Every structure is written in structure tokens, then in C-alpha cells.
Amino acid sequence: SIGLHLLAVVAWLGGIIVMALLAPQLTGREDLAVL
């Protein structure tokens, strides 16, 4: 359960932070909705 929890937190939390850091690169892309 700890292993699953770590993987879920890493994928979700880390993904949110990476998306936030990539915000200027993502803005204006035509495939933004798809990504």
C-alpha cells in the first residue's frame, strides 16, 4: 500500500508541478487540450 501510494503521489503531484513549470511552453499550443 505504501508503494502504491508513493507511485500515485509521484505521478499526480509531480505531474502537476511539472505542468506548472511548463506552463509558458504549453500555452498557445494547439494540442494543449489533448495533452
ModelCIF file with pLDDT and N, C-alpha, C, O atoms, coordinates in Angstrom:
data_MODEL
#
_entry.id   MODEL 
#
_entity.id                         1 
_entity.type                       polymer 
_entity.pdbx_number_of_molecules   1 
#
_entity_poly.entity_id                      1 
_entity_poly.type                           'polypeptide(L)' 
_entity_poly.nstd_linkage                   no 
_entity_poly.nstd_monomer                   no 
_entity_poly.pdbx_seq_one_letter_code       SIGLHLLAVVAWLGGIIVMALLAPQLTGREDLAVL 
_entity_poly.pdbx_seq_one_letter_code_can   SIGLHLLAVVAWLGGIIVMALLAPQLTGREDLAVL 
_entity_poly.pdbx_strand_id                 A 
#
loop_
_entity_poly_seq.entity_id 
_entity_poly_seq.num 
_entity_poly_seq.mon_id 
_entity_poly_seq.hetero 
1 1  SER n 
1 2  ILE n 
1 3  GLY n 
1 4  LEU n 
1 5  HIS n 
1 6  LEU n 
1 7  LEU n 
1 8  ALA n 
1 9  VAL n 
1 10 VAL n 
1 11 ALA n 
1 12 TRP n 
1 13 LEU n 
1 14 GLY n 
1 15 GLY n 
1 16 ILE n 
1 17 ILE n 
1 18 VAL n 
1 19 MET n 
1 20 ALA n 
1 21 LEU n 
1 22 LEU n 
1 23 ALA n 
1 24 PRO n 
1 25 GLN n 
1 26 LEU n 
1 27 THR n 
1 28 GLY n 
1 29 ARG n 
1 30 GLU n 
1 31 ASP n 
1 32 LEU n 
1 33 ALA n 
1 34 VAL n 
1 35 LEU n 
#
_struct_asym.id          A 
_struct_asym.entity_id   1 
#
loop_
_ma_qa_metric.id 
_ma_qa_metric.mode 
_ma_qa_metric.name 
_ma_qa_metric.software_group_id 
_ma_qa_metric.type 
1 global pLDDT . pLDDT 
2 local  pLDDT . pLDDT 
#
_ma_qa_metric_global.metric_id      1 
_ma_qa_metric_global.metric_value   85.66 
_ma_qa_metric_global.model_id       1 
_ma_qa_metric_global.ordinal_id     1 
#
loop_
_ma_qa_metric_local.label_asym_id 
_ma_qa_metric_local.label_comp_id 
_ma_qa_metric_local.label_seq_id 
_ma_qa_metric_local.metric_id 
_ma_qa_metric_local.metric_value 
_ma_qa_metric_local.model_id 
_ma_qa_metric_local.ordinal_id 
A SER 1  2 89.00 1 1  
A ILE 2  2 89.00 1 2  
A GLY 3  2 90.00 1 3  
A LEU 4  2 92.00 1 4  
A HIS 5  2 89.00 1 5  
A LEU 6  2 90.00 1 6  
A LEU 7  2 93.00 1 7  
A ALA 8  2 92.00 1 8  
A VAL 9  2 88.00 1 9  
A VAL 10 2 90.00 1 10 
A ALA 11 2 91.00 1 11 
A TRP 12 2 86.00 1 12 
A LEU 13 2 84.00 1 13 
A GLY 14 2 88.00 1 14 
A GLY 15 2 89.00 1 15 
A ILE 16 2 86.00 1 16 
A ILE 17 2 86.00 1 17 
A VAL 18 2 90.00 1 18 
A MET 19 2 86.00 1 19 
A ALA 20 2 84.00 1 20 
A LEU 21 2 85.00 1 21 
A LEU 22 2 86.00 1 22 
A ALA 23 2 81.00 1 23 
A PRO 24 2 80.00 1 24 
A GLN 25 2 81.00 1 25 
A LEU 26 2 82.00 1 26 
A THR 27 2 77.00 1 27 
A GLY 28 2 73.00 1 28 
A ARG 29 2 80.00 1 29 
A GLU 30 2 80.00 1 30 
A ASP 31 2 83.00 1 31 
A LEU 32 2 81.00 1 32 
A ALA 33 2 82.00 1 33 
A VAL 34 2 87.00 1 34 
A LEU 35 2 88.00 1 35 
#
loop_
_atom_site.group_PDB 
_atom_site.id 
_atom_site.type_symbol 
_atom_site.label_atom_id 
_atom_site.label_alt_id 
_atom_site.label_comp_id 
_atom_site.label_asym_id 
_atom_site.label_entity_id 
_atom_site.label_seq_id 
_atom_site.pdbx_PDB_ins_code 
_atom_site.Cartn_x 
_atom_site.Cartn_y 
_atom_site.Cartn_z 
_atom_site.occupancy 
_atom_site.B_iso_or_equiv 
_atom_site.pdbx_formal_charge 
_atom_site.auth_seq_id 
_atom_site.auth_comp_id 
_atom_site.auth_asym_id 
_atom_site.auth_atom_id 
_atom_site.pdbx_PDB_model_num 
ATOM 1   N N  . SER A 1 1  ? 0.837  -1.206 0.000   1.00 89.00 ? 1  SER A N  1 
ATOM 2   C CA . SER A 1 1  ? 0.000  0.000  0.000   1.00 89.00 ? 1  SER A CA 1 
ATOM 3   C C  . SER A 1 1  ? 0.873  1.258  0.000   1.00 89.00 ? 1  SER A C  1 
ATOM 4   O O  . SER A 1 1  ? 0.538  2.243  -0.657  1.00 89.00 ? 1  SER A O  1 
ATOM 5   N N  . ILE A 1 2  ? 1.989  1.230  0.733   1.00 89.00 ? 2  ILE A N  1 
ATOM 6   C CA . ILE A 1 2  ? 2.898  2.378  0.713   1.00 89.00 ? 2  ILE A CA 1 
ATOM 7   C C  . ILE A 1 2  ? 3.498  2.564  -0.679  1.00 89.00 ? 2  ILE A C  1 
ATOM 8   O O  . ILE A 1 2  ? 3.591  3.686  -1.178  1.00 89.00 ? 2  ILE A O  1 
ATOM 9   N N  . GLY A 1 3  ? 3.904  1.451  -1.306  1.00 90.00 ? 3  GLY A N  1 
ATOM 10  C CA . GLY A 1 3  ? 4.461  1.547  -2.652  1.00 90.00 ? 3  GLY A CA 1 
ATOM 11  C C  . GLY A 1 3  ? 3.470  2.126  -3.648  1.00 90.00 ? 3  GLY A C  1 
ATOM 12  O O  . GLY A 1 3  ? 3.821  2.987  -4.454  1.00 90.00 ? 3  GLY A O  1 
ATOM 13  N N  . LEU A 1 4  ? 2.227  1.650  -3.591  1.00 92.00 ? 4  LEU A N  1 
ATOM 14  C CA . LEU A 1 4  ? 1.191  2.190  -4.476  1.00 92.00 ? 4  LEU A CA 1 
ATOM 15  C C  . LEU A 1 4  ? 0.945  3.670  -4.182  1.00 92.00 ? 4  LEU A C  1 
ATOM 16  O O  . LEU A 1 4  ? 0.776  4.475  -5.097  1.00 92.00 ? 4  LEU A O  1 
ATOM 17  N N  . HIS A 1 5  ? 0.928  4.016  -2.896  1.00 89.00 ? 5  HIS A N  1 
ATOM 18  C CA . HIS A 1 5  ? 0.679  5.406  -2.508  1.00 89.00 ? 5  HIS A CA 1 
ATOM 19  C C  . HIS A 1 5  ? 1.787  6.315  -3.025  1.00 89.00 ? 5  HIS A C  1 
ATOM 20  O O  . HIS A 1 5  ? 1.518  7.396  -3.547  1.00 89.00 ? 5  HIS A O  1 
ATOM 21  N N  . LEU A 1 6  ? 3.022  5.875  -2.880  1.00 90.00 ? 6  LEU A N  1 
ATOM 22  C CA . LEU A 1 6  ? 4.149  6.669  -3.373  1.00 90.00 ? 6  LEU A CA 1 
ATOM 23  C C  . LEU A 1 6  ? 4.073  6.876  -4.879  1.00 90.00 ? 6  LEU A C  1 
ATOM 24  O O  . LEU A 1 6  ? 4.278  7.986  -5.371  1.00 90.00 ? 6  LEU A O  1 
ATOM 25  N N  . LEU A 1 7  ? 3.778  5.805  -5.608  1.00 93.00 ? 7  LEU A N  1 
ATOM 26  C CA . LEU A 1 7  ? 3.691  5.913  -7.062  1.00 93.00 ? 7  LEU A CA 1 
ATOM 27  C C  . LEU A 1 7  ? 2.576  6.866  -7.481  1.00 93.00 ? 7  LEU A C  1 
ATOM 28  O O  . LEU A 1 7  ? 2.757  7.675  -8.391  1.00 93.00 ? 7  LEU A O  1 
ATOM 29  N N  . ALA A 1 8  ? 1.417  6.770  -6.816  1.00 92.00 ? 8  ALA A N  1 
ATOM 30  C CA . ALA A 1 8  ? 0.301  7.648  -7.161  1.00 92.00 ? 8  ALA A CA 1 
ATOM 31  C C  . ALA A 1 8  ? 0.623  9.102  -6.855  1.00 92.00 ? 8  ALA A C  1 
ATOM 32  O O  . ALA A 1 8  ? 0.330  9.988  -7.658  1.00 92.00 ? 8  ALA A O  1 
ATOM 33  N N  . VAL A 1 9  ? 1.224  9.351  -5.696  1.00 88.00 ? 9  VAL A N  1 
ATOM 34  C CA . VAL A 1 9  ? 1.569  10.724 -5.324  1.00 88.00 ? 9  VAL A CA 1 
ATOM 35  C C  . VAL A 1 9  ? 2.609  11.292 -6.279  1.00 88.00 ? 9  VAL A C  1 
ATOM 36  O O  . VAL A 1 9  ? 2.513  12.444 -6.702  1.00 88.00 ? 9  VAL A O  1 
ATOM 37  N N  . VAL A 1 10 ? 3.607  10.472 -6.616  1.00 90.00 ? 10 VAL A N  1 
ATOM 38  C CA . VAL A 1 10 ? 4.652  10.936 -7.521  1.00 90.00 ? 10 VAL A CA 1 
ATOM 39  C C  . VAL A 1 10 ? 4.064  11.304 -8.884  1.00 90.00 ? 10 VAL A C  1 
ATOM 40  O O  . VAL A 1 10 ? 4.377  12.359 -9.436  1.00 90.00 ? 10 VAL A O  1 
ATOM 41  N N  . ALA A 1 11 ? 3.210  10.428 -9.423  1.00 91.00 ? 11 ALA A N  1 
ATOM 42  C CA . ALA A 1 11 ? 2.637  10.679 -10.746 1.00 91.00 ? 11 ALA A CA 1 
ATOM 43  C C  . ALA A 1 11 ? 1.718  11.897 -10.741 1.00 91.00 ? 11 ALA A C  1 
ATOM 44  O O  . ALA A 1 11 ? 1.730  12.689 -11.683 1.00 91.00 ? 11 ALA A O  1 
ATOM 45  N N  . TRP A 1 12 ? 0.925  12.048 -9.685  1.00 86.00 ? 12 TRP A N  1 
ATOM 46  C CA . TRP A 1 12 ? -0.050 13.135 -9.643  1.00 86.00 ? 12 TRP A CA 1 
ATOM 47  C C  . TRP A 1 12 ? 0.603  14.444 -9.209  1.00 86.00 ? 12 TRP A C  1 
ATOM 48  O O  . TRP A 1 12 ? 0.545  15.440 -9.931  1.00 86.00 ? 12 TRP A O  1 
ATOM 49  N N  . LEU A 1 13 ? 1.227  14.442 -8.022  1.00 84.00 ? 13 LEU A N  1 
ATOM 50  C CA . LEU A 1 13 ? 1.834  15.668 -7.522  1.00 84.00 ? 13 LEU A CA 1 
ATOM 51  C C  . LEU A 1 13 ? 2.955  16.138 -8.435  1.00 84.00 ? 13 LEU A C  1 
ATOM 52  O O  . LEU A 1 13 ? 2.985  17.295 -8.854  1.00 84.00 ? 13 LEU A O  1 
ATOM 53  N N  . GLY A 1 14 ? 3.882  15.225 -8.742  1.00 88.00 ? 14 GLY A N  1 
ATOM 54  C CA . GLY A 1 14 ? 4.979  15.615 -9.616  1.00 88.00 ? 14 GLY A CA 1 
ATOM 55  C C  . GLY A 1 14 ? 4.491  16.083 -10.966 1.00 88.00 ? 14 GLY A C  1 
ATOM 56  O O  . GLY A 1 14 ? 5.035  17.030 -11.535 1.00 88.00 ? 14 GLY A O  1 
ATOM 57  N N  . GLY A 1 15 ? 3.451  15.415 -11.492 1.00 89.00 ? 15 GLY A N  1 
ATOM 58  C CA . GLY A 1 15 ? 2.899  15.834 -12.778 1.00 89.00 ? 15 GLY A CA 1 
ATOM 59  C C  . GLY A 1 15 ? 2.323  17.226 -12.737 1.00 89.00 ? 15 GLY A C  1 
ATOM 60  O O  . GLY A 1 15 ? 2.493  17.994 -13.684 1.00 89.00 ? 15 GLY A O  1 
ATOM 61  N N  . ILE A 1 16 ? 1.637  17.572 -11.648 1.00 86.00 ? 16 ILE A N  1 
ATOM 62  C CA . ILE A 1 16 ? 1.062  18.908 -11.517 1.00 86.00 ? 16 ILE A CA 1 
ATOM 63  C C  . ILE A 1 16 ? 2.165  19.968 -11.493 1.00 86.00 ? 16 ILE A C  1 
ATOM 64  O O  . ILE A 1 16 ? 2.060  21.002 -12.152 1.00 86.00 ? 16 ILE A O  1 
ATOM 65  N N  . ILE A 1 17 ? 3.222  19.697 -10.726 1.00 86.00 ? 17 ILE A N  1 
ATOM 66  C CA . ILE A 1 17 ? 4.312  20.673 -10.634 1.00 86.00 ? 17 ILE A CA 1 
ATOM 67  C C  . ILE A 1 17 ? 5.015  20.818 -11.981 1.00 86.00 ? 17 ILE A C  1 
ATOM 68  O O  . ILE A 1 17 ? 5.344  21.930 -12.392 1.00 86.00 ? 17 ILE A O  1 
ATOM 69  N N  . VAL A 1 18 ? 5.245  19.704 -12.665 1.00 90.00 ? 18 VAL A N  1 
ATOM 70  C CA . VAL A 1 18 ? 5.894  19.776 -13.978 1.00 90.00 ? 18 VAL A CA 1 
ATOM 71  C C  . VAL A 1 18 ? 5.012  20.541 -14.956 1.00 90.00 ? 18 VAL A C  1 
ATOM 72  O O  . VAL A 1 18 ? 5.512  21.361 -15.726 1.00 90.00 ? 18 VAL A O  1 
ATOM 73  N N  . MET A 1 19 ? 3.696  20.282 -14.936 1.00 86.00 ? 19 MET A N  1 
ATOM 74  C CA . MET A 1 19 ? 2.790  21.032 -15.806 1.00 86.00 ? 19 MET A CA 1 
ATOM 75  C C  . MET A 1 19 ? 2.836  22.522 -15.484 1.00 86.00 ? 19 MET A C  1 
ATOM 76  O O  . MET A 1 19 ? 2.779  23.358 -16.385 1.00 86.00 ? 19 MET A O  1 
ATOM 77  N N  . ALA A 1 20 ? 2.940  22.853 -14.194 1.00 84.00 ? 20 ALA A N  1 
ATOM 78  C CA . ALA A 1 20 ? 3.023  24.265 -13.816 1.00 84.00 ? 20 ALA A CA 1 
ATOM 79  C C  . ALA A 1 20 ? 4.321  24.891 -14.315 1.00 84.00 ? 20 ALA A C  1 
ATOM 80  O O  . ALA A 1 20 ? 4.322  26.017 -14.813 1.00 84.00 ? 20 ALA A O  1 
ATOM 81  N N  . LEU A 1 21 ? 5.429  24.158 -14.181 1.00 85.00 ? 21 LEU A N  1 
ATOM 82  C CA . LEU A 1 21 ? 6.711  24.680 -14.657 1.00 85.00 ? 21 LEU A CA 1 
ATOM 83  C C  . LEU A 1 21 ? 6.737  24.812 -16.175 1.00 85.00 ? 21 LEU A C  1 
ATOM 84  O O  . LEU A 1 21 ? 7.455  25.652 -16.715 1.00 85.00 ? 21 LEU A O  1 
ATOM 85  N N  . LEU A 1 22 ? 5.952  23.980 -16.864 1.00 86.00 ? 22 LEU A N  1 
ATOM 86  C CA . LEU A 1 22 ? 5.903  24.019 -18.326 1.00 86.00 ? 22 LEU A CA 1 
ATOM 87  C C  . LEU A 1 22 ? 4.799  24.931 -18.853 1.00 86.00 ? 22 LEU A C  1 
ATOM 88  O O  . LEU A 1 22 ? 4.542  24.965 -20.056 1.00 86.00 ? 22 LEU A O  1 
ATOM 89  N N  . ALA A 1 23 ? 4.153  25.660 -17.967 1.00 81.00 ? 23 ALA A N  1 
ATOM 90  C CA . ALA A 1 23 ? 3.001  26.460 -18.379 1.00 81.00 ? 23 ALA A CA 1 
ATOM 91  C C  . ALA A 1 23 ? 3.296  27.393 -19.551 1.00 81.00 ? 23 ALA A C  1 
ATOM 92  O O  . ALA A 1 23 ? 2.495  27.433 -20.485 1.00 81.00 ? 23 ALA A O  1 
ATOM 93  N N  . PRO A 1 24 ? 4.407  28.152 -19.557 1.00 80.00 ? 24 PRO A N  1 
ATOM 94  C CA . PRO A 1 24 ? 4.661  29.027 -20.716 1.00 80.00 ? 24 PRO A CA 1 
ATOM 95  C C  . PRO A 1 24 ? 4.826  28.255 -22.013 1.00 80.00 ? 24 PRO A C  1 
ATOM 96  O O  . PRO A 1 24 ? 4.414  28.735 -23.069 1.00 80.00 ? 24 PRO A O  1 
ATOM 97  N N  . GLN A 1 25 ? 5.425  27.060 -21.956 1.00 81.00 ? 25 GLN A N  1 
ATOM 98  C CA . GLN A 1 25 ? 5.594  26.260 -23.174 1.00 81.00 ? 25 GLN A CA 1 
ATOM 99  C C  . GLN A 1 25 ? 4.275  25.641 -23.635 1.00 81.00 ? 25 GLN A C  1 
ATOM 100 O O  . GLN A 1 25 ? 4.056  25.449 -24.832 1.00 81.00 ? 25 GLN A O  1 
ATOM 101 N N  . LEU A 1 26 ? 3.404  25.331 -22.684 1.00 82.00 ? 26 LEU A N  1 
ATOM 102 C CA . LEU A 1 26 ? 2.122  24.722 -23.039 1.00 82.00 ? 26 LEU A CA 1 
ATOM 103 C C  . LEU A 1 26 ? 1.130  25.744 -23.581 1.00 82.00 ? 26 LEU A C  1 
ATOM 104 O O  . LEU A 1 26 ? 0.317  25.427 -24.449 1.00 82.00 ? 26 LEU A O  1 
ATOM 105 N N  . THR A 1 27 ? 1.198  26.957 -23.074 1.00 77.00 ? 27 THR A N  1 
ATOM 106 C CA . THR A 1 27 ? 0.268  27.984 -23.515 1.00 77.00 ? 27 THR A CA 1 
ATOM 107 C C  . THR A 1 27 ? 0.480  28.289 -24.998 1.00 77.00 ? 27 THR A C  1 
ATOM 108 O O  . THR A 1 27 ? 1.609  28.496 -25.444 1.00 77.00 ? 27 THR A O  1 
ATOM 109 N N  . GLY A 1 28 ? -0.599 28.315 -25.742 1.00 73.00 ? 28 GLY A N  1 
ATOM 110 C CA . GLY A 1 28 ? -0.521 28.614 -27.162 1.00 73.00 ? 28 GLY A CA 1 
ATOM 111 C C  . GLY A 1 28 ? -0.406 27.397 -28.050 1.00 73.00 ? 28 GLY A C  1 
ATOM 112 O O  . GLY A 1 28 ? -0.545 27.519 -29.267 1.00 73.00 ? 28 GLY A O  1 
ATOM 113 N N  . ARG A 1 29 ? -0.156 26.221 -27.486 1.00 80.00 ? 29 ARG A N  1 
ATOM 114 C CA . ARG A 1 29 ? -0.084 25.010 -28.311 1.00 80.00 ? 29 ARG A CA 1 
ATOM 115 C C  . ARG A 1 29 ? -1.486 24.598 -28.752 1.00 80.00 ? 29 ARG A C  1 
ATOM 116 O O  . ARG A 1 29 ? -2.439 24.651 -27.974 1.00 80.00 ? 29 ARG A O  1 
ATOM 117 N N  . GLU A 1 30 ? -1.592 24.194 -29.994 1.00 80.00 ? 30 GLU A N  1 
ATOM 118 C CA . GLU A 1 30 ? -2.885 23.752 -30.499 1.00 80.00 ? 30 GLU A CA 1 
ATOM 119 C C  . GLU A 1 30 ? -3.307 22.418 -29.894 1.00 80.00 ? 30 GLU A C  1 
ATOM 120 O O  . GLU A 1 30 ? -4.494 22.096 -29.865 1.00 80.00 ? 30 GLU A O  1 
ATOM 121 N N  . ASP A 1 31 ? -2.340 21.644 -29.412 1.00 83.00 ? 31 ASP A N  1 
ATOM 122 C CA . ASP A 1 31 ? -2.670 20.346 -28.834 1.00 83.00 ? 31 ASP A CA 1 
ATOM 123 C C  . ASP A 1 31 ? -2.743 20.413 -27.315 1.00 83.00 ? 31 ASP A C  1 
ATOM 124 O O  . ASP A 1 31 ? -2.630 19.381 -26.652 1.00 83.00 ? 31 ASP A O  1 
ATOM 125 N N  . LEU A 1 32 ? -2.929 21.607 -26.745 1.00 81.00 ? 32 LEU A N  1 
ATOM 126 C CA . LEU A 1 32 ? -2.975 21.753 -25.294 1.00 81.00 ? 32 LEU A CA 1 
ATOM 127 C C  . LEU A 1 32 ? -4.081 20.891 -24.688 1.00 81.00 ? 32 LEU A C  1 
ATOM 128 O O  . LEU A 1 32 ? -3.852 20.201 -23.695 1.00 81.00 ? 32 LEU A O  1 
ATOM 129 N N  . ALA A 1 33 ? -5.274 20.926 -25.275 1.00 82.00 ? 33 ALA A N  1 
ATOM 130 C CA . ALA A 1 33 ? -6.390 20.163 -24.730 1.00 82.00 ? 33 ALA A CA 1 
ATOM 131 C C  . ALA A 1 33 ? -6.099 18.666 -24.755 1.00 82.00 ? 33 ALA A C  1 
ATOM 132 O O  . ALA A 1 33 ? -6.459 17.943 -23.827 1.00 82.00 ? 33 ALA A O  1 
ATOM 133 N N  . VAL A 1 34 ? -5.447 18.206 -25.821 1.00 87.00 ? 34 VAL A N  1 
ATOM 134 C CA . VAL A 1 34 ? -5.120 16.779 -25.921 1.00 87.00 ? 34 VAL A CA 1 
ATOM 135 C C  . VAL A 1 34 ? -4.134 16.381 -24.834 1.00 87.00 ? 34 VAL A C  1 
ATOM 136 O O  . VAL A 1 34 ? -4.309 15.358 -24.172 1.00 87.00 ? 34 VAL A O  1 
ATOM 137 N N  . LEU A 1 35 ? -3.090 17.198 -24.649 1.00 88.00 ? 35 LEU A N  1 
ATOM 138 C CA . LEU A 1 35 ? -2.070 16.883 -23.645 1.00 88.00 ? 35 LEU A CA 1 
ATOM 139 C C  . LEU A 1 35 ? -2.652 16.939 -22.236 1.00 88.00 ? 35 LEU A C  1 
ATOM 140 O O  . LEU A 1 35 ? -1.936 16.702 -21.263 1.00 88.00 ? 35 LEU A O  1 
#
